[in-house]
Amino acid sequence: GGSVNAALLSFTKAMAEIGVRDQVQVNTINPGPVRTDRLTRRLDTLARERGIDPPSALQTFVREENILKVGEPEDIAALVAFVLSPPGRYIHGSLIDADGGTTKSV
């Protein structure tokens, strides 16, 4: 994961340089675990493997991933809306981790 994030940040910075020239805002949002069908399937598998109910699987997942919580799609949408809004217009060339604490590196 760390090498992918480093590559993504480098790509974002390169695109941001072009964005300055073309007056296009460029940023990247790096979401962590978000409540999607994919995550639901992962939690269902965890529940089956451990013989626990789905709410317990979610608690186990959050604890084992050492995160605050699982995100909701609305959490990511709100961040995108902010970055694209007038108050977010000065954010440029950034990789924003919206992952509940999943990313442990600088």
N, C-alpha and C. Protein backbone atom coordinates (compact mmCIF):
# COMPACT_ATOMS: atom_id res chain seq x y z
N GLY A 1 0.80 -1.20 0.00
CA GLY A 1 0.00 0.00 0.00
C GLY A 1 0.84 1.26 0.00
N GLY A 2 1.93 1.25 0.76
CA GLY A 2 2.75 2.45 0.86
C GLY A 2 3.35 2.87 -0.47
N SER A 3 3.82 1.90 -1.24
CA SER A 3 4.43 2.24 -2.53
C SER A 3 3.37 2.75 -3.51
N VAL A 4 2.17 2.20 -3.43
CA VAL A 4 1.09 2.68 -4.31
C VAL A 4 0.73 4.11 -3.94
N ASN A 5 0.64 4.40 -2.64
CA ASN A 5 0.32 5.76 -2.21
C ASN A 5 1.41 6.74 -2.63
N ALA A 6 2.66 6.32 -2.53
CA ALA A 6 3.77 7.19 -2.95
C ALA A 6 3.68 7.48 -4.45
N ALA A 7 3.37 6.46 -5.23
CA ALA A 7 3.23 6.65 -6.67
C ALA A 7 2.04 7.56 -6.98
N LEU A 8 0.95 7.37 -6.25
CA LEU A 8 -0.23 8.21 -6.46
C LEU A 8 0.07 9.66 -6.11
N LEU A 9 0.80 9.89 -5.03
CA LEU A 9 1.17 11.25 -4.67
C LEU A 9 2.06 11.88 -5.74
N SER A 10 3.03 11.13 -6.23
CA SER A 10 3.92 11.64 -7.28
C SER A 10 3.13 11.97 -8.54
N PHE A 11 2.21 11.11 -8.90
CA PHE A 11 1.37 11.35 -10.08
C PHE A 11 0.51 12.60 -9.88
N THR A 12 -0.06 12.74 -8.68
CA THR A 12 -0.88 13.91 -8.37
C THR A 12 -0.07 15.19 -8.50
N LYS A 13 1.14 15.18 -7.97
CA LYS A 13 2.00 16.36 -8.06
C LYS A 13 2.34 16.69 -9.51
N ALA A 14 2.64 15.68 -10.31
CA ALA A 14 2.95 15.91 -11.72
C ALA A 14 1.74 16.48 -12.46
N MET A 15 0.56 15.93 -12.20
CA MET A 15 -0.65 16.42 -12.85
C MET A 15 -0.99 17.83 -12.37
N ALA A 16 -0.71 18.10 -11.08
CA ALA A 16 -0.99 19.43 -10.53
C ALA A 16 -0.14 20.49 -11.22
N GLU A 17 1.09 20.13 -11.56
CA GLU A 17 1.96 21.08 -12.27
C GLU A 17 1.35 21.44 -13.62
N ILE A 18 0.84 20.44 -14.30
CA ILE A 18 0.16 20.70 -15.59
C ILE A 18 -1.13 21.48 -15.34
N GLY A 19 -1.81 21.15 -14.22
CA GLY A 19 -3.05 21.86 -13.89
C GLY A 19 -2.85 23.34 -13.68
N VAL A 20 -1.72 23.72 -13.08
CA VAL A 20 -1.43 25.15 -12.89
C VAL A 20 -1.37 25.83 -14.26
N ARG A 21 -0.67 25.21 -15.16
CA ARG A 21 -0.53 25.78 -16.51
C ARG A 21 -1.91 25.94 -17.18
N ASP A 22 -2.76 24.92 -16.99
CA ASP A 22 -4.07 24.91 -17.65
C ASP A 22 -5.20 25.46 -16.78
N GLN A 23 -4.85 25.94 -15.57
CA GLN A 23 -5.84 26.49 -14.64
C GLN A 23 -6.90 25.45 -14.24
N VAL A 24 -6.43 24.21 -13.98
CA VAL A 24 -7.30 23.11 -13.56
C VAL A 24 -6.82 22.63 -12.19
N GLN A 25 -7.74 22.60 -11.25
CA GLN A 25 -7.43 22.13 -9.90
C GLN A 25 -7.25 20.61 -9.93
N VAL A 26 -6.15 20.13 -9.35
CA VAL A 26 -5.85 18.69 -9.34
C VAL A 26 -5.55 18.25 -7.91
N ASN A 27 -6.31 17.28 -7.44
CA ASN A 27 -6.10 16.67 -6.13
C ASN A 27 -6.49 15.21 -6.22
N THR A 28 -6.09 14.44 -5.22
CA THR A 28 -6.46 13.04 -5.14
C THR A 28 -7.01 12.76 -3.75
N ILE A 29 -8.09 12.00 -3.71
CA ILE A 29 -8.63 11.55 -2.43
C ILE A 29 -8.37 10.06 -2.35
N ASN A 30 -7.75 9.66 -1.26
CA ASN A 30 -7.39 8.27 -1.02
C ASN A 30 -8.32 7.72 0.07
N PRO A 31 -9.43 7.09 -0.34
CA PRO A 31 -10.37 6.61 0.67
C PRO A 31 -9.90 5.30 1.29
N GLY A 32 -10.24 5.12 2.53
CA GLY A 32 -9.99 3.85 3.21
C GLY A 32 -11.23 2.97 3.11
N PRO A 33 -11.44 2.12 4.09
CA PRO A 33 -12.62 1.25 4.06
C PRO A 33 -13.91 2.08 4.11
N VAL A 34 -14.73 1.90 3.09
CA VAL A 34 -16.01 2.61 2.99
C VAL A 34 -17.10 1.56 2.83
N ARG A 35 -18.21 1.81 3.49
CA ARG A 35 -19.33 0.86 3.46
C ARG A 35 -19.90 0.78 2.05
N THR A 36 -19.41 -0.19 1.31
CA THR A 36 -19.85 -0.48 -0.05
C THR A 36 -20.21 -1.96 -0.11
N ASP A 37 -20.72 -2.39 -1.25
CA ASP A 37 -21.02 -3.82 -1.41
C ASP A 37 -19.77 -4.66 -1.23
N ARG A 38 -18.65 -4.17 -1.71
CA ARG A 38 -17.39 -4.92 -1.58
C ARG A 38 -17.02 -5.11 -0.11
N LEU A 39 -17.12 -4.05 0.68
CA LEU A 39 -16.80 -4.17 2.10
C LEU A 39 -17.81 -5.06 2.81
N THR A 40 -19.07 -4.95 2.44
CA THR A 40 -20.10 -5.80 3.05
C THR A 40 -19.79 -7.27 2.80
N ARG A 41 -19.38 -7.60 1.59
CA ARG A 41 -19.00 -9.00 1.30
C ARG A 41 -17.80 -9.41 2.14
N ARG A 42 -16.85 -8.53 2.29
CA ARG A 42 -15.66 -8.83 3.12
C ARG A 42 -16.06 -9.08 4.57
N LEU A 43 -16.97 -8.26 5.09
CA LEU A 43 -17.42 -8.43 6.47
C LEU A 43 -18.25 -9.70 6.63
N ASP A 44 -19.06 -10.04 5.62
CA ASP A 44 -19.83 -11.29 5.66
C ASP A 44 -18.89 -12.49 5.71
N THR A 45 -17.83 -12.44 4.92
CA THR A 45 -16.83 -13.52 4.93
C THR A 45 -16.17 -13.62 6.30
N LEU A 46 -15.79 -12.48 6.87
CA LEU A 46 -15.19 -12.46 8.20
C LEU A 46 -16.14 -13.05 9.23
N ALA A 47 -17.41 -12.70 9.15
CA ALA A 47 -18.41 -13.23 10.09
C ALA A 47 -18.52 -14.75 9.97
N ARG A 48 -18.57 -15.25 8.74
CA ARG A 48 -18.65 -16.71 8.53
C ARG A 48 -17.41 -17.41 9.05
N GLU A 49 -16.24 -16.87 8.71
CA GLU A 49 -14.98 -17.51 9.11
C GLU A 49 -14.82 -17.56 10.63
N ARG A 50 -15.31 -16.56 11.31
CA ARG A 50 -15.12 -16.48 12.76
C ARG A 50 -16.34 -16.92 13.55
N GLY A 51 -17.43 -17.23 12.85
CA GLY A 51 -18.63 -17.67 13.53
C GLY A 51 -19.26 -16.57 14.38
N ILE A 52 -19.27 -15.34 13.84
CA ILE A 52 -19.84 -14.21 14.56
C ILE A 52 -20.89 -13.53 13.69
N ASP A 53 -21.68 -12.67 14.31
CA ASP A 53 -22.71 -11.97 13.54
C ASP A 53 -22.08 -10.76 12.82
N PRO A 54 -22.78 -10.22 11.81
CA PRO A 54 -22.22 -9.10 11.03
C PRO A 54 -21.83 -7.88 11.87
N PRO A 55 -22.65 -7.45 12.85
CA PRO A 55 -22.20 -6.30 13.65
C PRO A 55 -20.89 -6.58 14.40
N SER A 56 -20.73 -7.80 14.89
CA SER A 56 -19.48 -8.17 15.56
C SER A 56 -18.33 -8.21 14.56
N ALA A 57 -18.60 -8.64 13.34
CA ALA A 57 -17.57 -8.65 12.30
C ALA A 57 -17.09 -7.24 12.01
N LEU A 58 -18.01 -6.29 11.98
CA LEU A 58 -17.64 -4.90 11.75
C LEU A 58 -16.77 -4.39 12.89
N GLN A 59 -17.15 -4.67 14.12
CA GLN A 59 -16.35 -4.26 15.28
C GLN A 59 -14.95 -4.88 15.23
N THR A 60 -14.89 -6.16 14.87
CA THR A 60 -13.61 -6.85 14.76
C THR A 60 -12.75 -6.22 13.68
N PHE A 61 -13.36 -5.94 12.54
CA PHE A 61 -12.64 -5.33 11.42
C PHE A 61 -12.04 -3.98 11.84
N VAL A 62 -12.84 -3.14 12.46
CA VAL A 62 -12.38 -1.81 12.88
C VAL A 62 -11.23 -1.95 13.88
N ARG A 63 -11.38 -2.85 14.83
CA ARG A 63 -10.34 -3.05 15.84
C ARG A 63 -9.05 -3.58 15.21
N GLU A 64 -9.16 -4.60 14.35
CA GLU A 64 -7.98 -5.21 13.75
C GLU A 64 -7.30 -4.29 12.73
N GLU A 65 -8.06 -3.45 12.08
CA GLU A 65 -7.47 -2.49 11.13
C GLU A 65 -6.93 -1.26 11.84
N ASN A 66 -7.26 -1.15 13.14
CA ASN A 66 -6.80 -0.03 13.96
C ASN A 66 -7.22 1.31 13.35
N ILE A 67 -8.53 1.40 13.07
CA ILE A 67 -9.10 2.61 12.51
C ILE A 67 -10.21 3.12 13.42
N LEU A 68 -10.64 4.35 13.18
CA LEU A 68 -11.71 4.93 13.98
C LEU A 68 -13.06 4.31 13.67
N LYS A 69 -13.33 4.17 12.39
CA LYS A 69 -14.62 3.65 11.93
C LYS A 69 -14.53 3.34 10.45
N VAL A 70 -15.53 2.67 9.96
CA VAL A 70 -15.69 2.46 8.53
C VAL A 70 -16.41 3.68 7.99
N GLY A 71 -15.93 4.20 6.88
CA GLY A 71 -16.55 5.38 6.29
C GLY A 71 -17.83 5.05 5.55
N GLU A 72 -18.59 6.08 5.34
CA GLU A 72 -19.82 5.99 4.53
C GLU A 72 -19.54 6.67 3.20
N PRO A 73 -20.22 6.26 2.14
CA PRO A 73 -20.02 6.93 0.85
C PRO A 73 -20.21 8.45 0.96
N GLU A 74 -21.13 8.86 1.81
CA GLU A 74 -21.39 10.28 2.00
C GLU A 74 -20.18 11.03 2.57
N ASP A 75 -19.35 10.32 3.37
CA ASP A 75 -18.14 10.95 3.91
C ASP A 75 -17.20 11.38 2.78
N ILE A 76 -17.03 10.50 1.82
CA ILE A 76 -16.14 10.80 0.69
C ILE A 76 -16.77 11.85 -0.21
N ALA A 77 -18.08 11.74 -0.44
CA ALA A 77 -18.78 12.72 -1.28
C ALA A 77 -18.68 14.11 -0.68
N ALA A 78 -18.81 14.22 0.64
CA ALA A 78 -18.72 15.53 1.30
C ALA A 78 -17.33 16.13 1.14
N LEU A 79 -16.30 15.29 1.22
CA LEU A 79 -14.95 15.78 1.03
C LEU A 79 -14.74 16.27 -0.41
N VAL A 80 -15.22 15.50 -1.37
CA VAL A 80 -15.12 15.91 -2.77
C VAL A 80 -15.84 17.25 -2.97
N ALA A 81 -17.04 17.36 -2.41
CA ALA A 81 -17.81 18.60 -2.55
C ALA A 81 -17.05 19.78 -1.95
N PHE A 82 -16.41 19.57 -0.79
CA PHE A 82 -15.65 20.65 -0.18
C PHE A 82 -14.47 21.07 -1.06
N VAL A 83 -13.70 20.08 -1.52
CA VAL A 83 -12.51 20.41 -2.32
C VAL A 83 -12.90 21.17 -3.58
N LEU A 84 -14.06 20.86 -4.13
CA LEU A 84 -14.51 21.52 -5.36
C LEU A 84 -15.26 22.82 -5.11
N SER A 85 -15.56 23.12 -3.85
CA SER A 85 -16.31 24.33 -3.52
C SER A 85 -15.37 25.53 -3.41
N PRO A 86 -15.92 26.75 -3.37
CA PRO A 86 -15.06 27.93 -3.22
C PRO A 86 -14.12 27.87 -2.01
N PRO A 87 -14.54 27.39 -0.82
CA PRO A 87 -13.57 27.32 0.28
C PRO A 87 -12.41 26.34 0.02
N GLY A 88 -12.59 25.39 -0.89
CA GLY A 88 -11.54 24.42 -1.19
C GLY A 88 -10.69 24.79 -2.38
N ARG A 89 -10.89 25.98 -2.93
CA ARG A 89 -10.22 26.34 -4.19
C ARG A 89 -8.70 26.48 -4.06
N TYR A 90 -8.20 26.64 -2.84
CA TYR A 90 -6.75 26.81 -2.66
C TYR A 90 -6.04 25.47 -2.48
N ILE A 91 -6.80 24.41 -2.36
CA ILE A 91 -6.20 23.08 -2.24
C ILE A 91 -5.84 22.61 -3.64
N HIS A 92 -4.55 22.39 -3.84
CA HIS A 92 -4.09 22.00 -5.17
C HIS A 92 -2.85 21.12 -5.03
N GLY A 93 -2.84 20.02 -5.75
CA GLY A 93 -1.69 19.12 -5.74
C GLY A 93 -1.61 18.27 -4.48
N SER A 94 -2.75 18.07 -3.83
CA SER A 94 -2.77 17.33 -2.56
C SER A 94 -3.33 15.92 -2.72
N LEU A 95 -2.77 15.02 -1.96
CA LEU A 95 -3.34 13.69 -1.79
C LEU A 95 -3.95 13.69 -0.40
N ILE A 96 -5.26 13.57 -0.33
CA ILE A 96 -5.98 13.65 0.94
C ILE A 96 -6.39 12.25 1.35
N ASP A 97 -5.87 11.79 2.50
CA ASP A 97 -6.28 10.50 3.05
C ASP A 97 -7.58 10.68 3.81
N ALA A 98 -8.62 10.01 3.35
CA ALA A 98 -9.92 10.02 4.04
C ALA A 98 -10.18 8.56 4.38
N ASP A 99 -9.49 8.09 5.41
CA ASP A 99 -9.45 6.65 5.62
C ASP A 99 -9.62 6.22 7.08
N GLY A 100 -10.08 7.11 7.92
CA GLY A 100 -10.31 6.72 9.32
C GLY A 100 -9.07 6.34 10.07
N GLY A 101 -7.91 6.68 9.55
CA GLY A 101 -6.66 6.36 10.23
C GLY A 101 -5.92 5.16 9.67
N THR A 102 -6.38 4.64 8.52
CA THR A 102 -5.73 3.47 7.92
C THR A 102 -4.27 3.77 7.55
N THR A 103 -4.03 4.93 6.94
CA THR A 103 -2.68 5.29 6.53
C THR A 103 -1.86 5.66 7.76
N LYS A 104 -0.78 4.94 7.98
CA LYS A 104 0.05 5.14 9.17
C LYS A 104 1.37 5.82 8.84
N SER A 105 1.55 6.27 7.61
CA SER A 105 2.79 6.90 7.21
C SER A 105 2.58 8.38 6.97
N VAL A 106 3.69 9.08 6.83
CA VAL A 106 3.64 10.52 6.58
C VAL A 106 3.54 10.76 5.10
